[in-house]
Amino acid sequence: MAVGDTADSQLNPETLARLAQGNPRPFFLIGSDAVSVQWLATHHDTLKALGAVGMLVQADTEADMRRVAEVAQGLSITLGSGSDLAAALGIHHYPVLITRDGIRQ
């Protein structure tokens, strides 16, 4: 995965159907890069209102992780690879919010 635009990403109908089952909690994937940190700051209130949980899929240093944590105030974010998840969903770029309705950036 890499930072980038997901404008052309569409979940296939089977994946959308799996996400819509039950009522999965919205989640987001971010990195510690400037684009992701700005995205997190811009969408913070929306993510919090949705009850979204995050996965930090790229951070090079402890300072990177701290910077994301400062912006995330009140949001749950865990560290993780995200590779398997991205492959399963057919996405290649972050930051991204994934809900039962699809992907948005």
PDB file of N, CA and C in Angstrom:
ATOM      1  N   MET A   1       0.843  -1.181   0.000  1.00  0.00           N
ATOM      2  CA  MET A   1       0.000   0.000   0.000  1.00  0.00           C
ATOM      3  C   MET A   1       0.889   1.246   0.000  1.00  0.00           C
ATOM      4  N   ALA A   2       0.336   2.306  -0.585  1.00  0.00           N
ATOM      5  CA  ALA A   2       1.060   3.578  -0.630  1.00  0.00           C
ATOM      6  C   ALA A   2       0.057   4.719  -0.539  1.00  0.00           C
ATOM      7  N   VAL A   3       0.545   5.868  -0.117  1.00  0.00           N
ATOM      8  CA  VAL A   3      -0.309   7.037  -0.080  1.00  0.00           C
ATOM      9  C   VAL A   3      -0.705   7.371  -1.518  1.00  0.00           C
ATOM     10  N   GLY A   4      -1.965   7.734  -1.706  1.00  0.00           N
ATOM     11  CA  GLY A   4      -2.420   8.079  -3.048  1.00  0.00           C
ATOM     12  C   GLY A   4      -3.911   8.239  -3.128  1.00  0.00           C
ATOM     13  N   ASP A   5      -4.357   8.542  -4.315  1.00  0.00           N
ATOM     14  CA  ASP A   5      -5.764   8.802  -4.597  1.00  0.00           C
ATOM     15  C   ASP A   5      -6.503   7.490  -4.837  1.00  0.00           C
ATOM     16  N   THR A   6      -7.658   7.343  -4.214  1.00  0.00           N
ATOM     17  CA  THR A   6      -8.478   6.151  -4.414  1.00  0.00           C
ATOM     18  C   THR A   6      -9.708   6.449  -5.256  1.00  0.00           C
ATOM     19  N   ALA A   7      -9.691   7.557  -5.985  1.00  0.00           N
ATOM     20  CA  ALA A   7     -10.870   7.972  -6.751  1.00  0.00           C
ATOM     21  C   ALA A   7     -11.375   6.882  -7.690  1.00  0.00           C
ATOM     22  N   ASP A   8     -10.474   6.079  -8.233  1.00  0.00           N
ATOM     23  CA  ASP A   8     -10.888   5.052  -9.180  1.00  0.00           C
ATOM     24  C   ASP A   8     -11.192   3.713  -8.512  1.00  0.00           C
ATOM     25  N   SER A   9     -11.005   3.618  -7.190  1.00  0.00           N
ATOM     26  CA  SER A   9     -11.228   2.353  -6.487  1.00  0.00           C
ATOM     27  C   SER A   9     -12.715   2.113  -6.262  1.00  0.00           C
ATOM     28  N   GLN A  10     -13.147   0.956  -6.619  1.00  0.00           N
ATOM     29  CA  GLN A  10     -14.523   0.537  -6.372  1.00  0.00           C
ATOM     30  C   GLN A  10     -14.480  -0.868  -5.790  1.00  0.00           C
ATOM     31  N   LEU A  11     -15.250  -1.091  -4.746  1.00  0.00           N
ATOM     32  CA  LEU A  11     -15.336  -2.432  -4.194  1.00  0.00           C
ATOM     33  C   LEU A  11     -16.225  -3.263  -5.094  1.00  0.00           C
ATOM     34  N   ASN A  12     -15.844  -4.515  -5.276  1.00  0.00           N
ATOM     35  CA  ASN A  12     -16.696  -5.367  -6.099  1.00  0.00           C
ATOM     36  C   ASN A  12     -17.964  -5.690  -5.322  1.00  0.00           C
ATOM     37  N   PRO A  13     -19.040  -6.057  -6.019  1.00  0.00           N
ATOM     38  CA  PRO A  13     -20.333  -6.298  -5.353  1.00  0.00           C
ATOM     39  C   PRO A  13     -20.257  -7.341  -4.236  1.00  0.00           C
ATOM     40  N   GLU A  14     -19.436  -8.370  -4.410  1.00  0.00           N
ATOM     41  CA  GLU A  14     -19.311  -9.410  -3.382  1.00  0.00           C
ATOM     42  C   GLU A  14     -18.712  -8.830  -2.101  1.00  0.00           C
ATOM     43  N   THR A  15     -17.700  -8.002  -2.236  1.00  0.00           N
ATOM     44  CA  THR A  15     -17.070  -7.379  -1.076  1.00  0.00           C
ATOM     45  C   THR A  15     -18.029  -6.418  -0.395  1.00  0.00           C
ATOM     46  N   LEU A  16     -18.758  -5.620  -1.178  1.00  0.00           N
ATOM     47  CA  LEU A  16     -19.754  -4.715  -0.612  1.00  0.00           C
ATOM     48  C   LEU A  16     -20.807  -5.491   0.173  1.00  0.00           C
ATOM     49  N   ALA A  17     -21.239  -6.621  -0.366  1.00  0.00           N
ATOM     50  CA  ALA A  17     -22.240  -7.446   0.319  1.00  0.00           C
ATOM     51  C   ALA A  17     -21.693  -7.953   1.651  1.00  0.00           C
ATOM     52  N   ARG A  18     -20.426  -8.354   1.684  1.00  0.00           N
ATOM     53  CA  ARG A  18     -19.820  -8.826   2.936  1.00  0.00           C
ATOM     54  C   ARG A  18     -19.748  -7.698   3.951  1.00  0.00           C
ATOM     55  N   LEU A  19     -19.371  -6.498   3.504  1.00  0.00           N
ATOM     56  CA  LEU A  19     -19.279  -5.362   4.415  1.00  0.00           C
ATOM     57  C   LEU A  19     -20.647  -4.966   4.956  1.00  0.00           C
ATOM     58  N   ALA A  20     -21.685  -5.134   4.147  1.00  0.00           N
ATOM     59  CA  ALA A  20     -23.028  -4.728   4.548  1.00  0.00           C
ATOM     60  C   ALA A  20     -23.671  -5.718   5.518  1.00  0.00           C
ATOM     61  N   GLN A  21     -23.170  -6.943   5.583  1.00  0.00           N
ATOM     62  CA  GLN A  21     -23.738  -7.929   6.500  1.00  0.00           C
ATOM     63  C   GLN A  21     -23.496  -7.490   7.930  1.00  0.00           C
ATOM     64  N   GLY A  22     -24.467  -7.762   8.757  1.00  0.00           N
ATOM     65  CA  GLY A  22     -24.370  -7.321  10.143  1.00  0.00           C
ATOM     66  C   GLY A  22     -24.437  -5.808  10.144  1.00  0.00           C
ATOM     67  N   ASN A  23     -23.553  -5.194  10.790  1.00  0.00           N
ATOM     68  CA  ASN A  23     -23.420  -3.749  10.767  1.00  0.00           C
ATOM     69  C   ASN A  23     -21.976  -3.439  11.119  1.00  0.00           C
ATOM     70  N   PRO A  24     -21.056  -3.758  10.171  1.00  0.00           N
ATOM     71  CA  PRO A  24     -19.651  -3.591  10.505  1.00  0.00           C
ATOM     72  C   PRO A  24     -19.320  -2.138  10.815  1.00  0.00           C
ATOM     73  N   ARG A  25     -18.418  -1.994  11.739  1.00  0.00           N
ATOM     74  CA  ARG A  25     -17.977  -0.663  12.143  1.00  0.00           C
ATOM     75  C   ARG A  25     -17.105  -0.062  11.038  1.00  0.00           C
ATOM     76  N   PRO A  26     -17.331   1.181  10.684  1.00  0.00           N
ATOM     77  CA  PRO A  26     -16.470   1.821   9.687  1.00  0.00           C
ATOM     78  C   PRO A  26     -15.018   1.826  10.172  1.00  0.00           C
ATOM     79  N   PHE A  27     -14.099   1.702   9.230  1.00  0.00           N
ATOM     80  CA  PHE A  27     -12.691   1.738   9.596  1.00  0.00           C
ATOM     81  C   PHE A  27     -11.911   2.507   8.544  1.00  0.00           C
ATOM     82  N   PHE A  28     -10.748   2.975   8.955  1.00  0.00           N
ATOM     83  CA  PHE A  28      -9.927   3.742   8.038  1.00  0.00           C
ATOM     84  C   PHE A  28      -8.487   3.283   8.118  1.00  0.00           C
ATOM     85  N   LEU A  29      -7.792   3.442   7.001  1.00  0.00           N
ATOM     86  CA  LEU A  29      -6.388   3.110   6.895  1.00  0.00           C
ATOM     87  C   LEU A  29      -5.639   4.401   6.608  1.00  0.00           C
ATOM     88  N   ILE A  30      -4.569   4.642   7.354  1.00  0.00           N
ATOM     89  CA  ILE A  30      -3.774   5.849   7.148  1.00  0.00           C
ATOM     90  C   ILE A  30      -2.303   5.531   7.313  1.00  0.00           C
ATOM     91  N   GLY A  31      -1.489   6.465   6.850  1.00  0.00           N
ATOM     92  CA  GLY A  31      -0.055   6.422   7.082  1.00  0.00           C
ATOM     93  C   GLY A  31       0.319   7.603   7.958  1.00  0.00           C
ATOM     94  N   SER A  32       1.605   7.767   8.169  1.00  0.00           N
ATOM     95  CA  SER A  32       2.072   8.902   8.969  1.00  0.00           C
ATOM     96  C   SER A  32       2.553  10.042   8.083  1.00  0.00           C
ATOM     97  N   ASP A  33       2.392   9.899   6.780  1.00  0.00           N
ATOM     98  CA  ASP A  33       2.803  10.923   5.826  1.00  0.00           C
ATOM     99  C   ASP A  33       1.929  12.167   5.966  1.00  0.00           C
ATOM    100  N   ALA A  34       2.366  13.261   5.377  1.00  0.00           N
ATOM    101  CA  ALA A  34       1.661  14.540   5.490  1.00  0.00           C
ATOM    102  C   ALA A  34       0.238  14.470   4.927  1.00  0.00           C
ATOM    103  N   VAL A  35       0.048  13.751   3.830  1.00  0.00           N
ATOM    104  CA  VAL A  35      -1.290  13.632   3.229  1.00  0.00           C
ATOM    105  C   VAL A  35      -2.236  12.930   4.199  1.00  0.00           C
ATOM    106  N   SER A  36      -1.799  11.830   4.791  1.00  0.00           N
ATOM    107  CA  SER A  36      -2.643  11.080   5.730  1.00  0.00           C
ATOM    108  C   SER A  36      -2.949  11.876   6.984  1.00  0.00           C
ATOM    109  N   VAL A  37      -1.942  12.564   7.530  1.00  0.00           N
ATOM    110  CA  VAL A  37      -2.156  13.334   8.757  1.00  0.00           C
ATOM    111  C   VAL A  37      -3.141  14.475   8.489  1.00  0.00           C
ATOM    112  N   GLN A  38      -3.025  15.118   7.333  1.00  0.00           N
ATOM    113  CA  GLN A  38      -3.973  16.182   6.981  1.00  0.00           C
ATOM    114  C   GLN A  38      -5.366  15.611   6.775  1.00  0.00           C
ATOM    115  N   TRP A  39      -5.464  14.456   6.121  1.00  0.00           N
ATOM    116  CA  TRP A  39      -6.751  13.784   5.910  1.00  0.00           C
ATOM    117  C   TRP A  39      -7.392  13.471   7.261  1.00  0.00           C
ATOM    118  N   LEU A  40      -6.597  12.958   8.184  1.00  0.00           N
ATOM    119  CA  LEU A  40      -7.101  12.623   9.518  1.00  0.00           C
ATOM    120  C   LEU A  40      -7.612  13.868  10.227  1.00  0.00           C
ATOM    121  N   ALA A  41      -6.867  14.941  10.157  1.00  0.00           N
ATOM    122  CA  ALA A  41      -7.292  16.190  10.800  1.00  0.00           C
ATOM    123  C   ALA A  41      -8.581  16.718  10.169  1.00  0.00           C
ATOM    124  N   THR A  42      -8.660  16.669   8.856  1.00  0.00           N
ATOM    125  CA  THR A  42      -9.831  17.175   8.138  1.00  0.00           C
ATOM    126  C   THR A  42     -11.084  16.358   8.441  1.00  0.00           C
ATOM    127  N   HIS A  43     -10.929  15.042   8.543  1.00  0.00           N
ATOM    128  CA  HIS A  43     -12.079  14.147   8.703  1.00  0.00           C
ATOM    129  C   HIS A  43     -12.293  13.669  10.132  1.00  0.00           C
ATOM    130  N   HIS A  44     -11.532  14.205  11.074  1.00  0.00           N
ATOM    131  CA  HIS A  44     -11.582  13.750  12.462  1.00  0.00           C
ATOM    132  C   HIS A  44     -13.002  13.694  13.015  1.00  0.00           C
ATOM    133  N   ASP A  45     -13.735  14.782  12.906  1.00  0.00           N
ATOM    134  CA  ASP A  45     -15.081  14.837  13.488  1.00  0.00           C
ATOM    135  C   ASP A  45     -16.019  13.822  12.847  1.00  0.00           C
ATOM    136  N   THR A  46     -15.922  13.665  11.530  1.00  0.00           N
ATOM    137  CA  THR A  46     -16.756  12.682  10.826  1.00  0.00           C
ATOM    138  C   THR A  46     -16.404  11.270  11.276  1.00  0.00           C
ATOM    139  N   LEU A  47     -15.115  10.973  11.351  1.00  0.00           N
ATOM    140  CA  LEU A  47     -14.681   9.639  11.778  1.00  0.00           C
ATOM    141  C   LEU A  47     -15.159   9.339  13.192  1.00  0.00           C
ATOM    142  N   LYS A  48     -15.062  10.328  14.064  1.00  0.00           N
ATOM    143  CA  LYS A  48     -15.508  10.142  15.447  1.00  0.00           C
ATOM    144  C   LYS A  48     -17.014   9.912  15.488  1.00  0.00           C
ATOM    145  N   ALA A  49     -17.773  10.705  14.732  1.00  0.00           N
ATOM    146  CA  ALA A  49     -19.238  10.558  14.709  1.00  0.00           C
ATOM    147  C   ALA A  49     -19.652   9.180  14.183  1.00  0.00           C
ATOM    148  N   LEU A  50     -18.897   8.651  13.235  1.00  0.00           N
ATOM    149  CA  LEU A  50     -19.195   7.325  12.681  1.00  0.00           C
ATOM    150  C   LEU A  50     -18.780   6.187  13.613  1.00  0.00           C
ATOM    151  N   GLY A  51     -17.952   6.499  14.606  1.00  0.00           N
ATOM    152  CA  GLY A  51     -17.405   5.453  15.467  1.00  0.00           C
ATOM    153  C   GLY A  51     -16.355   4.633  14.747  1.00  0.00           C
ATOM    154  N   ALA A  52     -15.699   5.253  13.767  1.00  0.00           N
ATOM    155  CA  ALA A  52     -14.707   4.549  12.960  1.00  0.00           C
ATOM    156  C   ALA A  52     -13.451   4.244  13.773  1.00  0.00           C
ATOM    157  N   VAL A  53     -12.844   3.131  13.459  1.00  0.00           N
ATOM    158  CA  VAL A  53     -11.575   2.746  14.058  1.00  0.00           C
ATOM    159  C   VAL A  53     -10.529   2.748  12.956  1.00  0.00           C
ATOM    160  N   GLY A  54      -9.287   3.036  13.334  1.00  0.00           N
ATOM    161  CA  GLY A  54      -8.253   3.171  12.326  1.00  0.00           C
ATOM    162  C   GLY A  54      -7.121   2.194  12.465  1.00  0.00           C
ATOM    163  N   MET A  55      -6.411   2.046  11.362  1.00  0.00           N
ATOM    164  CA  MET A  55      -5.188   1.258  11.352  1.00  0.00           C
ATOM    165  C   MET A  55      -4.100   2.108  10.709  1.00  0.00           C
ATOM    166  N   LEU A  56      -3.022   2.292  11.445  1.00  0.00           N
ATOM    167  CA  LEU A  56      -1.858   3.005  10.946  1.00  0.00           C
ATOM    168  C   LEU A  56      -1.007   1.982  10.203  1.00  0.00           C
ATOM    169  N   VAL A  57      -0.970   2.093   8.879  1.00  0.00           N
ATOM    170  CA  VAL A  57      -0.315   1.078   8.061  1.00  0.00           C
ATOM    171  C   VAL A  57       1.089   1.482   7.622  1.00  0.00           C
ATOM    172  N   GLN A  58       1.491   2.714   7.955  1.00  0.00           N
ATOM    173  CA  GLN A  58       2.839   3.166   7.598  1.00  0.00           C
ATOM    174  C   GLN A  58       3.302   4.190   8.617  1.00  0.00           C
ATOM    175  N   ALA A  59       4.404   3.895   9.263  1.00  0.00           N
ATOM    176  CA  ALA A  59       5.075   4.827  10.172  1.00  0.00           C
ATOM    177  C   ALA A  59       6.528   4.382  10.266  1.00  0.00           C
ATOM    178  N   ASP A  60       7.430   5.328  10.050  1.00  0.00           N
ATOM    179  CA  ASP A  60       8.848   4.982  10.054  1.00  0.00           C
ATOM    180  C   ASP A  60       9.496   5.126  11.417  1.00  0.00           C
ATOM    181  N   THR A  61       8.974   6.047  12.224  1.00  0.00           N
ATOM    182  CA  THR A  61       9.612   6.318  13.506  1.00  0.00           C
ATOM    183  C   THR A  61       8.561   6.446  14.607  1.00  0.00           C
ATOM    184  N   GLU A  62       9.059   6.438  15.828  1.00  0.00           N
ATOM    185  CA  GLU A  62       8.166   6.658  16.969  1.00  0.00           C
ATOM    186  C   GLU A  62       7.558   8.060  16.899  1.00  0.00           C
ATOM    187  N   ALA A  63       8.317   9.021  16.412  1.00  0.00           N
ATOM    188  CA  ALA A  63       7.811  10.390  16.260  1.00  0.00           C
ATOM    189  C   ALA A  63       6.643  10.423  15.269  1.00  0.00           C
ATOM    190  N   ASP A  64       6.716   9.597  14.212  1.00  0.00           N
ATOM    191  CA  ASP A  64       5.604   9.495  13.257  1.00  0.00           C
ATOM    192  C   ASP A  64       4.341   9.025  13.970  1.00  0.00           C
ATOM    193  N   MET A  65       4.491   8.004  14.793  1.00  0.00           N
ATOM    194  CA  MET A  65       3.337   7.459  15.517  1.00  0.00           C
ATOM    195  C   MET A  65       2.761   8.484  16.489  1.00  0.00           C
ATOM    196  N   ARG A  66       3.629   9.212  17.156  1.00  0.00           N
ATOM    197  CA  ARG A  66       3.166  10.248  18.087  1.00  0.00           C
ATOM    198  C   ARG A  66       2.405  11.355  17.360  1.00  0.00           C
ATOM    199  N   ARG A  67       2.901  11.750  16.185  1.00  0.00           N
ATOM    200  CA  ARG A  67       2.236  12.803  15.409  1.00  0.00           C
ATOM    201  C   ARG A  67       0.815  12.372  15.029  1.00  0.00           C
ATOM    202  N   VAL A  68       0.660  11.148  14.590  1.00  0.00           N
ATOM    203  CA  VAL A  68      -0.669  10.632  14.244  1.00  0.00           C
ATOM    204  C   VAL A  68      -1.548  10.577  15.487  1.00  0.00           C
ATOM    205  N   ALA A  69      -0.998  10.116  16.598  1.00  0.00           N
ATOM    206  CA  ALA A  69      -1.777  10.029  17.846  1.00  0.00           C
ATOM    207  C   ALA A  69      -2.256  11.402  18.301  1.00  0.00           C
ATOM    208  N   GLU A  70      -1.439  12.421  18.127  1.00  0.00           N
ATOM    209  CA  GLU A  70      -1.837  13.777  18.511  1.00  0.00           C
ATOM    210  C   GLU A  70      -3.038  14.255  17.701  1.00  0.00           C
ATOM    211  N   VAL A  71      -3.032  13.974  16.418  1.00  0.00           N
ATOM    212  CA  VAL A  71      -4.128  14.395  15.547  1.00  0.00           C
ATOM    213  C   VAL A  71      -5.360  13.528  15.784  1.00  0.00           C
ATOM    214  N   ALA A  72      -5.156  12.268  16.149  1.00  0.00           N
ATOM    215  CA  ALA A  72      -6.255  11.313  16.304  1.00  0.00           C
ATOM    216  C   ALA A  72      -7.081  11.515  17.566  1.00  0.00           C
ATOM    217  N   GLN A  73      -6.690  12.354  18.450  1.00  0.00           N
ATOM    218  CA  GLN A  73      -7.351  12.570  19.732  1.00  0.00           C
ATOM    219  C   GLN A  73      -8.776  12.017  19.790  1.00  0.00           C
ATOM    220  N   GLY A  74      -8.942  10.956  20.579  1.00  0.00           N
ATOM    221  CA  GLY A  74     -10.263  10.376  20.782  1.00  0.00           C
ATOM    222  C   GLY A  74     -10.638   9.286  19.796  1.00  0.00           C
ATOM    223  N   LEU A  75      -9.826   9.082  18.769  1.00  0.00           N
ATOM    224  CA  LEU A  75     -10.087   8.003  17.812  1.00  0.00           C
ATOM    225  C   LEU A  75      -9.207   6.806  18.156  1.00  0.00           C
ATOM    226  N   SER A  76      -9.755   5.633  17.974  1.00  0.00           N
ATOM    227  CA  SER A  76      -9.000   4.415  18.216  1.00  0.00           C
ATOM    228  C   SER A  76      -8.207   4.064  16.953  1.00  0.00           C
ATOM    229  N   ILE A  77      -6.889   3.995  17.105  1.00  0.00           N
ATOM    230  CA  ILE A  77      -6.020   3.628  15.985  1.00  0.00           C
ATOM    231  C   ILE A  77      -5.032   2.582  16.467  1.00  0.00           C
ATOM    232  N   THR A  78      -4.907   1.529  15.694  1.00  0.00           N
ATOM    233  CA  THR A  78      -3.961   0.473  16.008  1.00  0.00           C
ATOM    234  C   THR A  78      -2.894   0.428  14.921  1.00  0.00           C
ATOM    235  N   LEU A  79      -1.761  -0.163  15.237  1.00  0.00           N
ATOM    236  CA  LEU A  79      -0.710  -0.359  14.248  1.00  0.00           C
ATOM    237  C   LEU A  79      -0.947  -1.676  13.532  1.00  0.00           C
ATOM    238  N   GLY A  80      -0.721  -1.703  12.244  1.00  0.00           N
ATOM    239  CA  GLY A  80      -0.892  -2.948  11.513  1.00  0.00           C
ATOM    240  C   GLY A  80      -0.359  -2.839  10.109  1.00  0.00           C
ATOM    241  N   SER A  81      -0.195  -3.963   9.483  1.00  0.00           N
ATOM    242  CA  SER A  81       0.331  -4.005   8.126  1.00  0.00           C
ATOM    243  C   SER A  81      -0.708  -3.541   7.116  1.00  0.00           C
ATOM    244  N   GLY A  82      -1.906  -4.034   7.199  1.00  0.00           N
ATOM    245  CA  GLY A  82      -2.951  -3.647   6.271  1.00  0.00           C
ATOM    246  C   GLY A  82      -2.856  -4.341   4.923  1.00  0.00           C
ATOM    247  N   SER A  83      -1.766  -5.052   4.642  1.00  0.00           N
ATOM    248  CA  SER A  83      -1.574  -5.681   3.338  1.00  0.00           C
ATOM    249  C   SER A  83      -2.657  -6.707   3.017  1.00  0.00           C
ATOM    250  N   ASP A  84      -2.927  -7.592   3.970  1.00  0.00           N
ATOM    251  CA  ASP A  84      -3.947  -8.618   3.727  1.00  0.00           C
ATOM    252  C   ASP A  84      -5.321  -7.992   3.546  1.00  0.00           C
ATOM    253  N   LEU A  85      -5.624  -7.024   4.378  1.00  0.00           N
ATOM    254  CA  LEU A  85      -6.903  -6.328   4.294  1.00  0.00           C
ATOM    255  C   LEU A  85      -7.029  -5.611   2.953  1.00  0.00           C
ATOM    256  N   ALA A  86      -5.987  -4.913   2.561  1.00  0.00           N
ATOM    257  CA  ALA A  86      -5.999  -4.192   1.288  1.00  0.00           C
ATOM    258  C   ALA A  86      -6.174  -5.156   0.120  1.00  0.00           C
ATOM    259  N   ALA A  87      -5.480  -6.281   0.180  1.00  0.00           N
ATOM    260  CA  ALA A  87      -5.607  -7.269  -0.890  1.00  0.00           C
ATOM    261  C   ALA A  87      -7.021  -7.826  -0.949  1.00  0.00           C
ATOM    262  N   ALA A  88      -7.605  -8.104   0.208  1.00  0.00           N
ATOM    263  CA  ALA A  88      -8.960  -8.642   0.243  1.00  0.00           C
ATOM    264  C   ALA A  88      -9.980  -7.658  -0.301  1.00  0.00           C
ATOM    265  N   LEU A  89      -9.735  -6.374  -0.081  1.00  0.00           N
ATOM    266  CA  LEU A  89     -10.671  -5.352  -0.543  1.00  0.00           C
ATOM    267  C   LEU A  89     -10.304  -4.786  -1.908  1.00  0.00           C
ATOM    268  N   GLY A  90      -9.129  -5.130  -2.400  1.00  0.00           N
ATOM    269  CA  GLY A  90      -8.702  -4.640  -3.701  1.00  0.00           C
ATOM    270  C   GLY A  90      -8.355  -3.163  -3.710  1.00  0.00           C
ATOM    271  N   ILE A  91      -7.817  -2.675  -2.597  1.00  0.00           N
ATOM    272  CA  ILE A  91      -7.397  -1.273  -2.548  1.00  0.00           C
ATOM    273  C   ILE A  91      -5.877  -1.208  -2.470  1.00  0.00           C
ATOM    274  N   HIS A  92      -5.324  -0.105  -2.975  1.00  0.00           N
ATOM    275  CA  HIS A  92      -3.877   0.016  -3.051  1.00  0.00           C
ATOM    276  C   HIS A  92      -3.345   1.293  -2.422  1.00  0.00           C
ATOM    277  N   HIS A  93      -4.256   2.210  -2.075  1.00  0.00           N
ATOM    278  CA  HIS A  93      -3.832   3.503  -1.557  1.00  0.00           C
ATOM    279  C   HIS A  93      -4.549   3.867  -0.259  1.00  0.00           C
ATOM    280  N   TYR A  94      -3.912   4.698   0.503  1.00  0.00           N
ATOM    281  CA  TYR A  94      -4.465   5.284   1.720  1.00  0.00           C
ATOM    282  C   TYR A  94      -4.163   6.760   1.676  1.00  0.00           C
ATOM    283  N   PRO A  95      -4.777   7.584   2.441  1.00  0.00           N
ATOM    284  CA  PRO A  95      -5.792   7.313   3.469  1.00  0.00           C
ATOM    285  C   PRO A  95      -7.135   6.966   2.826  1.00  0.00           C
ATOM    286  N   VAL A  96      -7.893   6.160   3.547  1.00  0.00           N
ATOM    287  CA  VAL A  96      -9.170   5.715   3.023  1.00  0.00           C
ATOM    288  C   VAL A  96     -10.106   5.344   4.172  1.00  0.00           C
ATOM    289  N   LEU A  97     -11.372   5.649   3.996  1.00  0.00           N
ATOM    290  CA  LEU A  97     -12.421   5.241   4.931  1.00  0.00           C
ATOM    291  C   LEU A  97     -13.229   4.155   4.250  1.00  0.00           C
ATOM    292  N   ILE A  98     -13.444   3.062   4.958  1.00  0.00           N
ATOM    293  CA  ILE A  98     -14.204   1.944   4.417  1.00  0.00           C
ATOM    294  C   ILE A  98     -15.433   1.748   5.277  1.00  0.00           C
ATOM    295  N   THR A  99     -16.602   1.847   4.650  1.00  0.00           N
ATOM    296  CA  THR A  99     -17.869   1.664   5.351  1.00  0.00           C
ATOM    297  C   THR A  99     -18.660   0.569   4.648  1.00  0.00           C
ATOM    298  N   ARG A 100     -19.795   0.247   5.189  1.00  0.00           N
ATOM    299  CA  ARG A 100     -20.659  -0.765   4.569  1.00  0.00           C
ATOM    300  C   ARG A 100     -21.136  -0.328   3.196  1.00  0.00           C
ATOM    301  N   ASP A 101     -20.997   0.968   2.890  1.00  0.00           N
ATOM    302  CA  ASP A 101     -21.436   1.497   1.593  1.00  0.00           C
ATOM    303  C   ASP A 101     -20.297   1.578   0.582  1.00  0.00           C
ATOM    304  N   GLY A 102     -19.066   1.375   1.020  1.00  0.00           N
ATOM    305  CA  GLY A 102     -17.941   1.418   0.100  1.00  0.00           C
ATOM    306  C   GLY A 102     -16.747   2.179   0.627  1.00  0.00           C
ATOM    307  N   ILE A 103     -15.945   2.672  -0.298  1.00  0.00           N
ATOM    308  CA  ILE A 103     -14.693   3.357   0.016  1.00  0.00           C
ATOM    309  C   ILE A 103     -14.862   4.840  -0.276  1.00  0.00           C
ATOM    310  N   ARG A 104     -14.320   5.644   0.601  1.00  0.00           N
ATOM    311  CA  ARG A 104     -14.262   7.077   0.293  1.00  0.00           C
ATOM    312  C   ARG A 104     -12.991   7.662   0.876  1.00  0.00           C
ATOM    313  N   GLN A 105     -12.631   8.762   0.287  1.00  0.00           N
ATOM    314  CA  GLN A 105     -11.405   9.413   0.720  1.00  0.00           C
ATOM    315  C   GLN A 105     -11.730  10.794   1.098  1.00  0.00           C
TER     316      GLN A 105
END
